Amino acid sequence: MRRKIFWTVFIALGLLADFTLPLLWGLVATIPIGIVSWWVAYRSDWF
């Protein structure tokens, strides 16, 4: 279940960054998006 949450958050934030930021910033934002997604899915105890 946590893996689904991770990938859902990662894809949603990644698409949001891709459509709102310029290309280079969207690529650079992938690393913090991955960290935030990991934290939400595995460390936050929300799920």
PDB file of N, CA and C in Angstrom:
ATOM      1  N   MET A   1       0.818  -1.191   0.000  1.00  0.00           N
ATOM      2  CA  MET A   1       0.000   0.000   0.000  1.00  0.00           C
ATOM      3  C   MET A   1       0.862   1.255   0.000  1.00  0.00           C
ATOM      4  N   ARG A   2       1.940   1.244   0.780  1.00  0.00           N
ATOM      5  CA  ARG A   2       2.815   2.421   0.832  1.00  0.00           C
ATOM      6  C   ARG A   2       3.486   2.679  -0.511  1.00  0.00           C
ATOM      7  N   ARG A   3       3.773   1.619  -1.232  1.00  0.00           N
ATOM      8  CA  ARG A   3       4.388   1.791  -2.546  1.00  0.00           C
ATOM      9  C   ARG A   3       3.419   2.493  -3.494  1.00  0.00           C
ATOM     10  N   LYS A   4       2.131   2.138  -3.427  1.00  0.00           N
ATOM     11  CA  LYS A   4       1.122   2.807  -4.253  1.00  0.00           C
ATOM     12  C   LYS A   4       1.020   4.283  -3.900  1.00  0.00           C
ATOM     13  N   ILE A   5       1.041   4.588  -2.608  1.00  0.00           N
ATOM     14  CA  ILE A   5       0.969   5.981  -2.174  1.00  0.00           C
ATOM     15  C   ILE A   5       2.194   6.737  -2.652  1.00  0.00           C
ATOM     16  N   PHE A   6       3.372   6.124  -2.527  1.00  0.00           N
ATOM     17  CA  PHE A   6       4.607   6.764  -2.989  1.00  0.00           C
ATOM     18  C   PHE A   6       4.515   7.119  -4.470  1.00  0.00           C
ATOM     19  N   TRP A   7       4.149   6.141  -5.294  1.00  0.00           N
ATOM     20  CA  TRP A   7       4.113   6.385  -6.726  1.00  0.00           C
ATOM     21  C   TRP A   7       3.005   7.351  -7.122  1.00  0.00           C
ATOM     22  N   THR A   8       1.882   7.309  -6.422  1.00  0.00           N
ATOM     23  CA  THR A   8       0.791   8.238  -6.715  1.00  0.00           C
ATOM     24  C   THR A   8       1.210   9.671  -6.418  1.00  0.00           C
ATOM     25  N   VAL A   9       1.805   9.888  -5.259  1.00  0.00           N
ATOM     26  CA  VAL A   9       2.263  11.235  -4.897  1.00  0.00           C
ATOM     27  C   VAL A   9       3.382  11.679  -5.827  1.00  0.00           C
ATOM     28  N   PHE A  10       4.305  10.788  -6.131  1.00  0.00           N
ATOM     29  CA  PHE A  10       5.437  11.118  -7.000  1.00  0.00           C
ATOM     30  C   PHE A  10       4.964  11.525  -8.398  1.00  0.00           C
ATOM     31  N   ILE A  11       4.056  10.754  -8.967  1.00  0.00           N
ATOM     32  CA  ILE A  11       3.559  11.053 -10.312  1.00  0.00           C
ATOM     33  C   ILE A  11       2.738  12.333 -10.316  1.00  0.00           C
ATOM     34  N   ALA A  12       1.888  12.513  -9.302  1.00  0.00           N
ATOM     35  CA  ALA A  12       1.059  13.720  -9.249  1.00  0.00           C
ATOM     36  C   ALA A  12       1.919  14.978  -9.123  1.00  0.00           C
ATOM     37  N   LEU A  13       2.874  14.960  -8.205  1.00  0.00           N
ATOM     38  CA  LEU A  13       3.737  16.134  -8.042  1.00  0.00           C
ATOM     39  C   LEU A  13       4.652  16.320  -9.246  1.00  0.00           C
ATOM     40  N   GLY A  14       5.112  15.227  -9.840  1.00  0.00           N
ATOM     41  CA  GLY A  14       5.958  15.320 -11.032  1.00  0.00           C
ATOM     42  C   GLY A  14       5.220  15.939 -12.205  1.00  0.00           C
ATOM     43  N   LEU A  15       3.990  15.527 -12.424  1.00  0.00           N
ATOM     44  CA  LEU A  15       3.200  16.120 -13.504  1.00  0.00           C
ATOM     45  C   LEU A  15       2.902  17.588 -13.232  1.00  0.00           C
ATOM     46  N   LEU A  16       2.615  17.910 -11.988  1.00  0.00           N
ATOM     47  CA  LEU A  16       2.375  19.299 -11.620  1.00  0.00           C
ATOM     48  C   LEU A  16       3.627  20.146 -11.890  1.00  0.00           C
ATOM     49  N   ALA A  17       4.772  19.643 -11.529  1.00  0.00           N
ATOM     50  CA  ALA A  17       6.022  20.367 -11.777  1.00  0.00           C
ATOM     51  C   ALA A  17       6.305  20.469 -13.270  1.00  0.00           C
ATOM     52  N   ASP A  18       6.048  19.426 -14.020  1.00  0.00           N
ATOM     53  CA  ASP A  18       6.321  19.440 -15.459  1.00  0.00           C
ATOM     54  C   ASP A  18       5.462  20.473 -16.186  1.00  0.00           C
ATOM     55  N   PHE A  19       4.219  20.630 -15.753  1.00  0.00           N
ATOM     56  CA  PHE A  19       3.334  21.557 -16.446  1.00  0.00           C
ATOM     57  C   PHE A  19       3.461  22.996 -15.967  1.00  0.00           C
ATOM     58  N   THR A  20       3.961  23.203 -14.750  1.00  0.00           N
ATOM     59  CA  THR A  20       4.034  24.565 -14.221  1.00  0.00           C
ATOM     60  C   THR A  20       5.426  25.170 -14.296  1.00  0.00           C
ATOM     61  N   LEU A  21       6.449  24.346 -14.303  1.00  0.00           N
ATOM     62  CA  LEU A  21       7.818  24.856 -14.313  1.00  0.00           C
ATOM     63  C   LEU A  21       8.435  24.698 -15.697  1.00  0.00           C
ATOM     64  N   PRO A  22       9.443  25.507 -15.998  1.00  0.00           N
ATOM     65  CA  PRO A  22      10.196  25.274 -17.242  1.00  0.00           C
ATOM     66  C   PRO A  22      10.881  23.903 -17.201  1.00  0.00           C
ATOM     67  N   LEU A  23      11.312  23.436 -18.345  1.00  0.00           N
ATOM     68  CA  LEU A  23      11.843  22.075 -18.477  1.00  0.00           C
ATOM     69  C   LEU A  23      12.987  21.791 -17.502  1.00  0.00           C
ATOM     70  N   LEU A  24      13.977  22.647 -17.453  1.00  0.00           N
ATOM     71  CA  LEU A  24      15.141  22.394 -16.598  1.00  0.00           C
ATOM     72  C   LEU A  24      14.740  22.372 -15.124  1.00  0.00           C
ATOM     73  N   TRP A  25      13.891  23.303 -14.709  1.00  0.00           N
ATOM     74  CA  TRP A  25      13.445  23.326 -13.317  1.00  0.00           C
ATOM     75  C   TRP A  25      12.589  22.111 -12.996  1.00  0.00           C
ATOM     76  N   GLY A  26      11.809  21.645 -13.953  1.00  0.00           N
ATOM     77  CA  GLY A  26      11.010  20.439 -13.747  1.00  0.00           C
ATOM     78  C   GLY A  26      11.881  19.217 -13.526  1.00  0.00           C
ATOM     79  N   LEU A  27      12.978  19.141 -14.262  1.00  0.00           N
ATOM     80  CA  LEU A  27      13.907  18.021 -14.080  1.00  0.00           C
ATOM     81  C   LEU A  27      14.626  18.106 -12.744  1.00  0.00           C
ATOM     82  N   VAL A  28      15.032  19.315 -12.369  1.00  0.00           N
ATOM     83  CA  VAL A  28      15.721  19.503 -11.093  1.00  0.00           C
ATOM     84  C   VAL A  28      14.775  19.233  -9.920  1.00  0.00           C
ATOM     85  N   ALA A  29      13.497  19.539 -10.086  1.00  0.00           N
ATOM     86  CA  ALA A  29      12.512  19.349  -9.020  1.00  0.00           C
ATOM     87  C   ALA A  29      12.197  17.877  -8.769  1.00  0.00           C
ATOM     88  N   THR A  30      12.641  16.991  -9.624  1.00  0.00           N
ATOM     89  CA  THR A  30      12.346  15.566  -9.462  1.00  0.00           C
ATOM     90  C   THR A  30      12.958  15.005  -8.176  1.00  0.00           C
ATOM     91  N   ILE A  31      14.141  15.444  -7.824  1.00  0.00           N
ATOM     92  CA  ILE A  31      14.807  14.924  -6.615  1.00  0.00           C
ATOM     93  C   ILE A  31      14.046  15.323  -5.349  1.00  0.00           C
ATOM     94  N   PRO A  32      13.723  16.616  -5.153  1.00  0.00           N
ATOM     95  CA  PRO A  32      12.922  16.944  -3.958  1.00  0.00           C
ATOM     96  C   PRO A  32      11.533  16.302  -3.966  1.00  0.00           C
ATOM     97  N   ILE A  33      10.948  16.132  -5.139  1.00  0.00           N
ATOM     98  CA  ILE A  33       9.646  15.466  -5.227  1.00  0.00           C
ATOM     99  C   ILE A  33       9.770  14.021  -4.763  1.00  0.00           C
ATOM    100  N   GLY A  34      10.840  13.358  -5.137  1.00  0.00           N
ATOM    101  CA  GLY A  34      11.077  11.987  -4.681  1.00  0.00           C
ATOM    102  C   GLY A  34      11.246  11.910  -3.175  1.00  0.00           C
ATOM    103  N   ILE A  35      11.944  12.881  -2.599  1.00  0.00           N
ATOM    104  CA  ILE A  35      12.148  12.897  -1.151  1.00  0.00           C
ATOM    105  C   ILE A  35      10.831  13.146  -0.429  1.00  0.00           C
ATOM    106  N   VAL A  36      10.051  14.108  -0.917  1.00  0.00           N
ATOM    107  CA  VAL A  36       8.753  14.408  -0.300  1.00  0.00           C
ATOM    108  C   VAL A  36       7.822  13.207  -0.424  1.00  0.00           C
ATOM    109  N   SER A  37       7.802  12.558  -1.566  1.00  0.00           N
ATOM    110  CA  SER A  37       6.944  11.394  -1.768  1.00  0.00           C
ATOM    111  C   SER A  37       7.330  10.257  -0.828  1.00  0.00           C
ATOM    112  N   TRP A  38       8.624  10.034  -0.681  1.00  0.00           N
ATOM    113  CA  TRP A  38       9.105   8.994   0.231  1.00  0.00           C
ATOM    114  C   TRP A  38       8.693   9.311   1.659  1.00  0.00           C
ATOM    115  N   TRP A  39       8.820  10.575   2.074  1.00  0.00           N
ATOM    116  CA  TRP A  39       8.470  10.963   3.424  1.00  0.00           C
ATOM    117  C   TRP A  39       6.978  10.773   3.673  1.00  0.00           C
ATOM    118  N   VAL A  40       6.150  11.195   2.714  1.00  0.00           N
ATOM    119  CA  VAL A  40       4.703  11.056   2.875  1.00  0.00           C
ATOM    120  C   VAL A  40       4.318   9.579   2.981  1.00  0.00           C
ATOM    121  N   ALA A  41       4.889   8.739   2.145  1.00  0.00           N
ATOM    122  CA  ALA A  41       4.485   7.335   2.096  1.00  0.00           C
ATOM    123  C   ALA A  41       5.035   6.512   3.254  1.00  0.00           C
ATOM    124  N   TYR A  42       6.298   6.757   3.649  1.00  0.00           N
ATOM    125  CA  TYR A  42       6.944   5.845   4.577  1.00  0.00           C
ATOM    126  C   TYR A  42       7.194   6.422   5.981  1.00  0.00           C
ATOM    127  N   ARG A  43       7.379   7.728   6.096  1.00  0.00           N
ATOM    128  CA  ARG A  43       7.782   8.284   7.376  1.00  0.00           C
ATOM    129  C   ARG A  43       6.718   9.091   8.107  1.00  0.00           C
ATOM    130  N   SER A  44       5.703   9.555   7.416  1.00  0.00           N
ATOM    131  CA  SER A  44       4.759  10.479   8.024  1.00  0.00           C
ATOM    132  C   SER A  44       3.729   9.790   8.930  1.00  0.00           C
ATOM    133  N   ASP A  45       3.544   8.493   8.800  1.00  0.00           N
ATOM    134  CA  ASP A  45       2.525   7.741   9.557  1.00  0.00           C
ATOM    135  C   ASP A  45       1.116   8.247   9.294  1.00  0.00           C
ATOM    136  N   TRP A  46       0.887   8.828   8.140  1.00  0.00           N
ATOM    137  CA  TRP A  46      -0.447   9.257   7.754  1.00  0.00           C
ATOM    138  C   TRP A  46      -1.257   8.081   7.226  1.00  0.00           C
ATOM    139  N   PHE A  47      -0.563   7.065   6.726  1.00  0.00           N
ATOM    140  CA  PHE A  47      -1.242   5.933   6.097  1.00  0.00           C
ATOM    141  C   PHE A  47      -0.849   4.646   6.781  1.00  0.00           C
TER     142      PHE A  47
END
